[in-house]
Amino acid sequence: MVSLNWRGLSGMESPRARTQVAYRANLARNRFLKQTPEHLEIIELLRRGRNSDAAVAMQHHLGTVILNLQDLEPILSGSRNSGR
């Protein structure tokens, strides 16, 4: 997860760097908002003893995580060839 020191953000030389840091923070926030319900669903299924359903939910969740990481890797690594 990306953590920010907002006081340090204003001292950055490059507007691009500030934008990239803010964008990364927003990605982390959006990911958190999407994944939290998935995590809670998996926990609830386990709590109810529905292990098979929890396994299916976890498999779906991890598949989504892997796809998101592949899509975000160029952005998070700072690659200029990310096409975005």
PDB file of N, CA and C in Angstrom:
ATOM      1  N   MET A   1       0.838  -1.178   0.000  1.00  0.00           N
ATOM      2  CA  MET A   1       0.000   0.000   0.000  1.00  0.00           C
ATOM      3  C   MET A   1       0.880   1.238   0.000  1.00  0.00           C
ATOM      4  N   VAL A   2       0.438   2.267  -0.694  1.00  0.00           N
ATOM      5  CA  VAL A   2       1.196   3.501  -0.796  1.00  0.00           C
ATOM      6  C   VAL A   2       0.861   4.387   0.391  1.00  0.00           C
ATOM      7  N   SER A   3       1.885   4.864   1.081  1.00  0.00           N
ATOM      8  CA  SER A   3       1.649   5.820   2.155  1.00  0.00           C
ATOM      9  C   SER A   3       2.241   7.151   1.740  1.00  0.00           C
ATOM     10  N   LEU A   4       1.617   8.213   2.181  1.00  0.00           N
ATOM     11  CA  LEU A   4       2.027   9.538   1.752  1.00  0.00           C
ATOM     12  C   LEU A   4       2.314  10.443   2.928  1.00  0.00           C
ATOM     13  N   ASN A   5       3.263  11.305   2.738  1.00  0.00           N
ATOM     14  CA  ASN A   5       3.505  12.413   3.638  1.00  0.00           C
ATOM     15  C   ASN A   5       3.088  13.644   2.851  1.00  0.00           C
ATOM     16  N   TRP A   6       1.880  14.136   3.073  1.00  0.00           N
ATOM     17  CA  TRP A   6       1.335  15.214   2.254  1.00  0.00           C
ATOM     18  C   TRP A   6       2.157  16.488   2.351  1.00  0.00           C
ATOM     19  N   ARG A   7       2.831  16.733   3.479  1.00  0.00           N
ATOM     20  CA  ARG A   7       3.674  17.918   3.580  1.00  0.00           C
ATOM     21  C   ARG A   7       4.824  17.830   2.587  1.00  0.00           C
ATOM     22  N   GLY A   8       5.359  16.631   2.374  1.00  0.00           N
ATOM     23  CA  GLY A   8       6.452  16.439   1.436  1.00  0.00           C
ATOM     24  C   GLY A   8       6.009  16.547  -0.014  1.00  0.00           C
ATOM     25  N   LEU A   9       4.727  16.342  -0.263  1.00  0.00           N
ATOM     26  CA  LEU A   9       4.199  16.376  -1.619  1.00  0.00           C
ATOM     27  C   LEU A   9       4.344  17.762  -2.238  1.00  0.00           C
ATOM     28  N   SER A  10       4.127  18.814  -1.467  1.00  0.00           N
ATOM     29  CA  SER A  10       4.203  20.166  -2.021  1.00  0.00           C
ATOM     30  C   SER A  10       5.640  20.570  -2.328  1.00  0.00           C
ATOM     31  N   GLY A  11       6.615  19.912  -1.695  1.00  0.00           N
ATOM     32  CA  GLY A  11       8.009  20.249  -1.932  1.00  0.00           C
ATOM     33  C   GLY A  11       8.627  19.537  -3.116  1.00  0.00           C
ATOM     34  N   MET A  12       7.862  18.707  -3.802  1.00  0.00           N
ATOM     35  CA  MET A  12       8.398  17.994  -4.953  1.00  0.00           C
ATOM     36  C   MET A  12       8.655  18.969  -6.088  1.00  0.00           C
ATOM     37  N   GLU A  13       9.773  18.768  -6.764  1.00  0.00           N
ATOM     38  CA  GLU A  13      10.170  19.654  -7.854  1.00  0.00           C
ATOM     39  C   GLU A  13       9.253  19.510  -9.071  1.00  0.00           C
ATOM     40  N   SER A  14       8.923  18.302  -9.420  1.00  0.00           N
ATOM     41  CA  SER A  14       8.230  18.025 -10.671  1.00  0.00           C
ATOM     42  C   SER A  14       6.722  17.899 -10.465  1.00  0.00           C
ATOM     43  N   PRO A  15       5.938  18.647 -11.261  1.00  0.00           N
ATOM     44  CA  PRO A  15       4.488  18.442 -11.205  1.00  0.00           C
ATOM     45  C   PRO A  15       4.116  17.004 -11.585  1.00  0.00           C
ATOM     46  N   ARG A  16       4.888  16.412 -12.493  1.00  0.00           N
ATOM     47  CA  ARG A  16       4.638  15.015 -12.883  1.00  0.00           C
ATOM     48  C   ARG A  16       4.809  14.086 -11.679  1.00  0.00           C
ATOM     49  N   ALA A  17       5.844  14.325 -10.875  1.00  0.00           N
ATOM     50  CA  ALA A  17       6.075  13.489  -9.687  1.00  0.00           C
ATOM     51  C   ALA A  17       4.923  13.636  -8.705  1.00  0.00           C
ATOM     52  N   ARG A  18       4.459  14.874  -8.490  1.00  0.00           N
ATOM     53  CA  ARG A  18       3.327  15.084  -7.576  1.00  0.00           C
ATOM     54  C   ARG A  18       2.091  14.364  -8.086  1.00  0.00           C
ATOM     55  N   THR A  19       1.849  14.474  -9.387  1.00  0.00           N
ATOM     56  CA  THR A  19       0.684  13.824  -9.987  1.00  0.00           C
ATOM     57  C   THR A  19       0.784  12.315  -9.855  1.00  0.00           C
ATOM     58  N   GLN A  20       1.970  11.784 -10.091  1.00  0.00           N
ATOM     59  CA  GLN A  20       2.153  10.336 -10.013  1.00  0.00           C
ATOM     60  C   GLN A  20       1.952   9.826  -8.587  1.00  0.00           C
ATOM     61  N   VAL A  21       2.464  10.548  -7.601  1.00  0.00           N
ATOM     62  CA  VAL A  21       2.284  10.139  -6.207  1.00  0.00           C
ATOM     63  C   VAL A  21       0.807  10.191  -5.844  1.00  0.00           C
ATOM     64  N   ALA A  22       0.115  11.249  -6.235  1.00  0.00           N
ATOM     65  CA  ALA A  22      -1.311  11.356  -5.939  1.00  0.00           C
ATOM     66  C   ALA A  22      -2.094  10.248  -6.637  1.00  0.00           C
ATOM     67  N   TYR A  23      -1.718   9.939  -7.880  1.00  0.00           N
ATOM     68  CA  TYR A  23      -2.394   8.881  -8.628  1.00  0.00           C
ATOM     69  C   TYR A  23      -2.197   7.524  -7.945  1.00  0.00           C
ATOM     70  N   ARG A  24      -0.975   7.259  -7.517  1.00  0.00           N
ATOM     71  CA  ARG A  24      -0.700   5.995  -6.817  1.00  0.00           C
ATOM     72  C   ARG A  24      -1.512   5.885  -5.540  1.00  0.00           C
ATOM     73  N   ALA A  25      -1.629   6.980  -4.810  1.00  0.00           N
ATOM     74  CA  ALA A  25      -2.421   6.974  -3.577  1.00  0.00           C
ATOM     75  C   ALA A  25      -3.881   6.684  -3.892  1.00  0.00           C
ATOM     76  N   ASN A  26      -4.394   7.262  -4.973  1.00  0.00           N
ATOM     77  CA  ASN A  26      -5.772   7.027  -5.366  1.00  0.00           C
ATOM     78  C   ASN A  26      -5.982   5.582  -5.788  1.00  0.00           C
ATOM     79  N   LEU A  27      -5.005   5.009  -6.496  1.00  0.00           N
ATOM     80  CA  LEU A  27      -5.094   3.597  -6.868  1.00  0.00           C
ATOM     81  C   LEU A  27      -5.186   2.722  -5.621  1.00  0.00           C
ATOM     82  N   ALA A  28      -4.345   3.024  -4.636  1.00  0.00           N
ATOM     83  CA  ALA A  28      -4.354   2.248  -3.399  1.00  0.00           C
ATOM     84  C   ALA A  28      -5.703   2.368  -2.708  1.00  0.00           C
ATOM     85  N   ARG A  29      -6.252   3.575  -2.676  1.00  0.00           N
ATOM     86  CA  ARG A  29      -7.553   3.800  -2.030  1.00  0.00           C
ATOM     87  C   ARG A  29      -8.641   3.035  -2.768  1.00  0.00           C
ATOM     88  N   ASN A  30      -8.664   3.146  -4.097  1.00  0.00           N
ATOM     89  CA  ASN A  30      -9.681   2.448  -4.888  1.00  0.00           C
ATOM     90  C   ASN A  30      -9.568   0.940  -4.729  1.00  0.00           C
ATOM     91  N   ARG A  31      -8.336   0.442  -4.704  1.00  0.00           N
ATOM     92  CA  ARG A  31      -8.126  -0.993  -4.517  1.00  0.00           C
ATOM     93  C   ARG A  31      -8.656  -1.418  -3.147  1.00  0.00           C
ATOM     94  N   PHE A  32      -8.363  -0.633  -2.135  1.00  0.00           N
ATOM     95  CA  PHE A  32      -8.837  -0.933  -0.784  1.00  0.00           C
ATOM     96  C   PHE A  32     -10.363  -0.970  -0.748  1.00  0.00           C
ATOM     97  N   LEU A  33     -11.017   0.017  -1.353  1.00  0.00           N
ATOM     98  CA  LEU A  33     -12.478   0.070  -1.339  1.00  0.00           C
ATOM     99  C   LEU A  33     -13.103  -1.110  -2.071  1.00  0.00           C
ATOM    100  N   LYS A  34     -12.455  -1.585  -3.122  1.00  0.00           N
ATOM    101  CA  LYS A  34     -12.982  -2.730  -3.877  1.00  0.00           C
ATOM    102  C   LYS A  34     -12.703  -4.048  -3.160  1.00  0.00           C
ATOM    103  N   GLN A  35     -11.509  -4.175  -2.582  1.00  0.00           N
ATOM    104  CA  GLN A  35     -11.114  -5.461  -2.025  1.00  0.00           C
ATOM    105  C   GLN A  35     -11.674  -5.725  -0.629  1.00  0.00           C
ATOM    106  N   THR A  36     -11.960  -4.691   0.126  1.00  0.00           N
ATOM    107  CA  THR A  36     -12.463  -4.902   1.487  1.00  0.00           C
ATOM    108  C   THR A  36     -13.730  -5.747   1.507  1.00  0.00           C
ATOM    109  N   PRO A  37     -14.744  -5.444   0.681  1.00  0.00           N
ATOM    110  CA  PRO A  37     -15.932  -6.309   0.688  1.00  0.00           C
ATOM    111  C   PRO A  37     -15.612  -7.754   0.298  1.00  0.00           C
ATOM    112  N   GLU A  38     -14.661  -7.925  -0.615  1.00  0.00           N
ATOM    113  CA  GLU A  38     -14.267  -9.288  -0.999  1.00  0.00           C
ATOM    114  C   GLU A  38     -13.650 -10.008   0.193  1.00  0.00           C
ATOM    115  N   HIS A  39     -12.782  -9.316   0.921  1.00  0.00           N
ATOM    116  CA  HIS A  39     -12.164  -9.918   2.109  1.00  0.00           C
ATOM    117  C   HIS A  39     -13.222 -10.281   3.146  1.00  0.00           C
ATOM    118  N   LEU A  40     -14.161  -9.373   3.374  1.00  0.00           N
ATOM    119  CA  LEU A  40     -15.209  -9.629   4.372  1.00  0.00           C
ATOM    120  C   LEU A  40     -16.093 -10.798   3.961  1.00  0.00           C
ATOM    121  N   GLU A  41     -16.377 -10.919   2.663  1.00  0.00           N
ATOM    122  CA  GLU A  41     -17.180 -12.045   2.183  1.00  0.00           C
ATOM    123  C   GLU A  41     -16.452 -13.366   2.444  1.00  0.00           C
ATOM    124  N   ILE A  42     -15.172 -13.409   2.155  1.00  0.00           N
ATOM    125  CA  ILE A  42     -14.389 -14.627   2.372  1.00  0.00           C
ATOM    126  C   ILE A  42     -14.372 -14.984   3.858  1.00  0.00           C
ATOM    127  N   ILE A  43     -14.149 -13.999   4.700  1.00  0.00           N
ATOM    128  CA  ILE A  43     -14.138 -14.236   6.157  1.00  0.00           C
ATOM    129  C   ILE A  43     -15.492 -14.757   6.629  1.00  0.00           C
ATOM    130  N   GLU A  44     -16.569 -14.145   6.141  1.00  0.00           N
ATOM    131  CA  GLU A  44     -17.910 -14.576   6.557  1.00  0.00           C
ATOM    132  C   GLU A  44     -18.187 -16.010   6.110  1.00  0.00           C
ATOM    133  N   LEU A  45     -17.779 -16.358   4.896  1.00  0.00           N
ATOM    134  CA  LEU A  45     -17.974 -17.736   4.429  1.00  0.00           C
ATOM    135  C   LEU A  45     -17.203 -18.716   5.303  1.00  0.00           C
ATOM    136  N   LEU A  46     -15.974 -18.370   5.660  1.00  0.00           N
ATOM    137  CA  LEU A  46     -15.184 -19.233   6.539  1.00  0.00           C
ATOM    138  C   LEU A  46     -15.833 -19.346   7.923  1.00  0.00           C
ATOM    139  N   ARG A  47     -16.323 -18.220   8.426  1.00  0.00           N
ATOM    140  CA  ARG A  47     -16.964 -18.207   9.747  1.00  0.00           C
ATOM    141  C   ARG A  47     -18.175 -19.134   9.775  1.00  0.00           C
ATOM    142  N   ARG A  48     -18.895 -19.210   8.662  1.00  0.00           N
ATOM    143  CA  ARG A  48     -20.083 -20.060   8.579  1.00  0.00           C
ATOM    144  C   ARG A  48     -19.748 -21.505   8.216  1.00  0.00           C
ATOM    145  N   GLY A  49     -18.465 -21.793   8.062  1.00  0.00           N
ATOM    146  CA  GLY A  49     -18.057 -23.159   7.734  1.00  0.00           C
ATOM    147  C   GLY A  49     -18.241 -23.513   6.273  1.00  0.00           C
ATOM    148  N   ARG A  50     -18.440 -22.535   5.438  1.00  0.00           N
ATOM    149  CA  ARG A  50     -18.641 -22.764   4.004  1.00  0.00           C
ATOM    150  C   ARG A  50     -17.293 -22.669   3.292  1.00  0.00           C
ATOM    151  N   ASN A  51     -16.432 -23.610   3.614  1.00  0.00           N
ATOM    152  CA  ASN A  51     -15.056 -23.576   3.123  1.00  0.00           C
ATOM    153  C   ASN A  51     -14.952 -23.672   1.607  1.00  0.00           C
ATOM    154  N   SER A  52     -15.782 -24.483   0.993  1.00  0.00           N
ATOM    155  CA  SER A  52     -15.735 -24.616  -0.474  1.00  0.00           C
ATOM    156  C   SER A  52     -16.120 -23.295  -1.148  1.00  0.00           C
ATOM    157  N   ASP A  53     -17.154 -22.647  -0.628  1.00  0.00           N
ATOM    158  CA  ASP A  53     -17.567 -21.355  -1.173  1.00  0.00           C
ATOM    159  C   ASP A  53     -16.484 -20.303  -0.932  1.00  0.00           C
ATOM    160  N   ALA A  54     -15.854 -20.359   0.234  1.00  0.00           N
ATOM    161  CA  ALA A  54     -14.768 -19.423   0.547  1.00  0.00           C
ATOM    162  C   ALA A  54     -13.593 -19.634  -0.406  1.00  0.00           C
ATOM    163  N   ALA A  55     -13.308 -20.894  -0.724  1.00  0.00           N
ATOM    164  CA  ALA A  55     -12.210 -21.194  -1.647  1.00  0.00           C
ATOM    165  C   ALA A  55     -12.497 -20.628  -3.039  1.00  0.00           C
ATOM    166  N   VAL A  56     -13.736 -20.761  -3.492  1.00  0.00           N
ATOM    167  CA  VAL A  56     -14.118 -20.206  -4.802  1.00  0.00           C
ATOM    168  C   VAL A  56     -14.002 -18.680  -4.779  1.00  0.00           C
ATOM    169  N   ALA A  57     -14.489 -18.059  -3.700  1.00  0.00           N
ATOM    170  CA  ALA A  57     -14.410 -16.599  -3.576  1.00  0.00           C
ATOM    171  C   ALA A  57     -12.954 -16.141  -3.526  1.00  0.00           C
ATOM    172  N   MET A  58     -12.107 -16.881  -2.819  1.00  0.00           N
ATOM    173  CA  MET A  58     -10.694 -16.523  -2.732  1.00  0.00           C
ATOM    174  C   MET A  58     -10.011 -16.684  -4.084  1.00  0.00           C
ATOM    175  N   GLN A  59     -10.347 -17.726  -4.808  1.00  0.00           N
ATOM    176  CA  GLN A  59      -9.766 -17.940  -6.131  1.00  0.00           C
ATOM    177  C   GLN A  59     -10.138 -16.786  -7.060  1.00  0.00           C
ATOM    178  N   HIS A  60     -11.401 -16.377  -7.021  1.00  0.00           N
ATOM    179  CA  HIS A  60     -11.839 -15.239  -7.835  1.00  0.00           C
ATOM    180  C   HIS A  60     -11.097 -13.969  -7.415  1.00  0.00           C
ATOM    181  N   HIS A  61     -10.994 -13.736  -6.123  1.00  0.00           N
ATOM    182  CA  HIS A  61     -10.319 -12.551  -5.592  1.00  0.00           C
ATOM    183  C   HIS A  61      -8.850 -12.513  -6.032  1.00  0.00           C
ATOM    184  N   LEU A  62      -8.158 -13.616  -5.900  1.00  0.00           N
ATOM    185  CA  LEU A  62      -6.746 -13.646  -6.271  1.00  0.00           C
ATOM    186  C   LEU A  62      -6.550 -13.466  -7.778  1.00  0.00           C
ATOM    187  N   GLY A  63      -7.474 -14.001  -8.558  1.00  0.00           N
ATOM    188  CA  GLY A  63      -7.409 -13.786  -9.999  1.00  0.00           C
ATOM    189  C   GLY A  63      -7.530 -12.311 -10.348  1.00  0.00           C
ATOM    190  N   THR A  64      -8.429 -11.620  -9.662  1.00  0.00           N
ATOM    191  CA  THR A  64      -8.601 -10.184  -9.867  1.00  0.00           C
ATOM    192  C   THR A  64      -7.352  -9.427  -9.438  1.00  0.00           C
ATOM    193  N   VAL A  65      -6.776  -9.805  -8.312  1.00  0.00           N
ATOM    194  CA  VAL A  65      -5.559  -9.154  -7.819  1.00  0.00           C
ATOM    195  C   VAL A  65      -4.434  -9.301  -8.838  1.00  0.00           C
ATOM    196  N   ILE A  66      -4.260 -10.493  -9.373  1.00  0.00           N
ATOM    197  CA  ILE A  66      -3.187 -10.741 -10.343  1.00  0.00           C
ATOM    198  C   ILE A  66      -3.394  -9.893 -11.598  1.00  0.00           C
ATOM    199  N   LEU A  67      -4.623  -9.830 -12.099  1.00  0.00           N
ATOM    200  CA  LEU A  67      -4.902  -9.006 -13.286  1.00  0.00           C
ATOM    201  C   LEU A  67      -4.629  -7.529 -13.006  1.00  0.00           C
ATOM    202  N   ASN A  68      -5.057  -7.055 -11.846  1.00  0.00           N
ATOM    203  CA  ASN A  68      -4.842  -5.652 -11.492  1.00  0.00           C
ATOM    204  C   ASN A  68      -3.358  -5.340 -11.383  1.00  0.00           C
ATOM    205  N   LEU A  69      -2.597  -6.224 -10.801  1.00  0.00           N
ATOM    206  CA  LEU A  69      -1.157  -5.992 -10.660  1.00  0.00           C
ATOM    207  C   LEU A  69      -0.471  -5.939 -12.018  1.00  0.00           C
ATOM    208  N   GLN A  70      -0.898  -6.800 -12.929  1.00  0.00           N
ATOM    209  CA  GLN A  70      -0.320  -6.792 -14.270  1.00  0.00           C
ATOM    210  C   GLN A  70      -0.633  -5.481 -14.981  1.00  0.00           C
ATOM    211  N   ASP A  71      -1.857  -4.978 -14.821  1.00  0.00           N
ATOM    212  CA  ASP A  71      -2.244  -3.724 -15.455  1.00  0.00           C
ATOM    213  C   ASP A  71      -1.536  -2.526 -14.838  1.00  0.00           C
ATOM    214  N   LEU A  72      -1.287  -2.587 -13.540  1.00  0.00           N
ATOM    215  CA  LEU A  72      -0.717  -1.443 -12.828  1.00  0.00           C
ATOM    216  C   LEU A  72       0.804  -1.424 -12.820  1.00  0.00           C
ATOM    217  N   GLU A  73       1.447  -2.537 -13.122  1.00  0.00           N
ATOM    218  CA  GLU A  73       2.900  -2.622 -13.005  1.00  0.00           C
ATOM    219  C   GLU A  73       3.623  -1.499 -13.750  1.00  0.00           C
ATOM    220  N   PRO A  74       3.264  -1.200 -15.020  1.00  0.00           N
ATOM    221  CA  PRO A  74       3.975  -0.112 -15.704  1.00  0.00           C
ATOM    222  C   PRO A  74       3.785   1.240 -15.016  1.00  0.00           C
ATOM    223  N   ILE A  75       2.614   1.483 -14.476  1.00  0.00           N
ATOM    224  CA  ILE A  75       2.337   2.753 -13.801  1.00  0.00           C
ATOM    225  C   ILE A  75       3.105   2.835 -12.492  1.00  0.00           C
ATOM    226  N   LEU A  76       3.048   1.769 -11.719  1.00  0.00           N
ATOM    227  CA  LEU A  76       3.683   1.778 -10.405  1.00  0.00           C
ATOM    228  C   LEU A  76       5.198   1.776 -10.487  1.00  0.00           C
ATOM    229  N   SER A  77       5.725   1.215 -11.572  1.00  0.00           N
ATOM    230  CA  SER A  77       7.181   1.208 -11.728  1.00  0.00           C
ATOM    231  C   SER A  77       7.692   2.509 -12.326  1.00  0.00           C
ATOM    232  N   GLY A  78       6.775   3.386 -12.760  1.00  0.00           N
ATOM    233  CA  GLY A  78       7.187   4.671 -13.320  1.00  0.00           C
ATOM    234  C   GLY A  78       7.583   4.596 -14.776  1.00  0.00           C
ATOM    235  N   SER A  79       7.254   3.502 -15.438  1.00  0.00           N
ATOM    236  CA  SER A  79       7.616   3.342 -16.847  1.00  0.00           C
ATOM    237  C   SER A  79       6.918   4.390 -17.703  1.00  0.00           C
ATOM    238  N   ARG A  80       7.685   5.006 -18.588  1.00  0.00           N
ATOM    239  CA  ARG A  80       7.105   5.992 -19.506  1.00  0.00           C
ATOM    240  C   ARG A  80       6.413   5.306 -20.672  1.00  0.00           C
ATOM    241  N   ASN A  81       6.604   3.997 -20.830  1.00  0.00           N
ATOM    242  CA  ASN A  81       6.006   3.258 -21.931  1.00  0.00           C
ATOM    243  C   ASN A  81       4.716   2.588 -21.528  1.00  0.00           C
ATOM    244  N   SER A  82       4.062   3.115 -20.496  1.00  0.00           N
ATOM    245  CA  SER A  82       2.848   2.477 -19.990  1.00  0.00           C
ATOM    246  C   SER A  82       1.646   2.699 -20.891  1.00  0.00           C
ATOM    247  N   GLY A  83       1.744   3.663 -21.823  1.00  0.00           N
ATOM    248  CA  GLY A  83       0.640   3.899 -22.725  1.00  0.00           C
ATOM    249  C   GLY A  83      -0.493   4.660 -22.088  1.00  0.00           C
ATOM    250  N   ARG A  84      -0.278   5.283 -20.949  1.00  0.00           N
ATOM    251  CA  ARG A  84      -1.357   6.012 -20.270  1.00  0.00           C
ATOM    252  C   ARG A  84      -0.977   7.446 -20.073  1.00  0.00           C
TER     253      ARG A  84
END
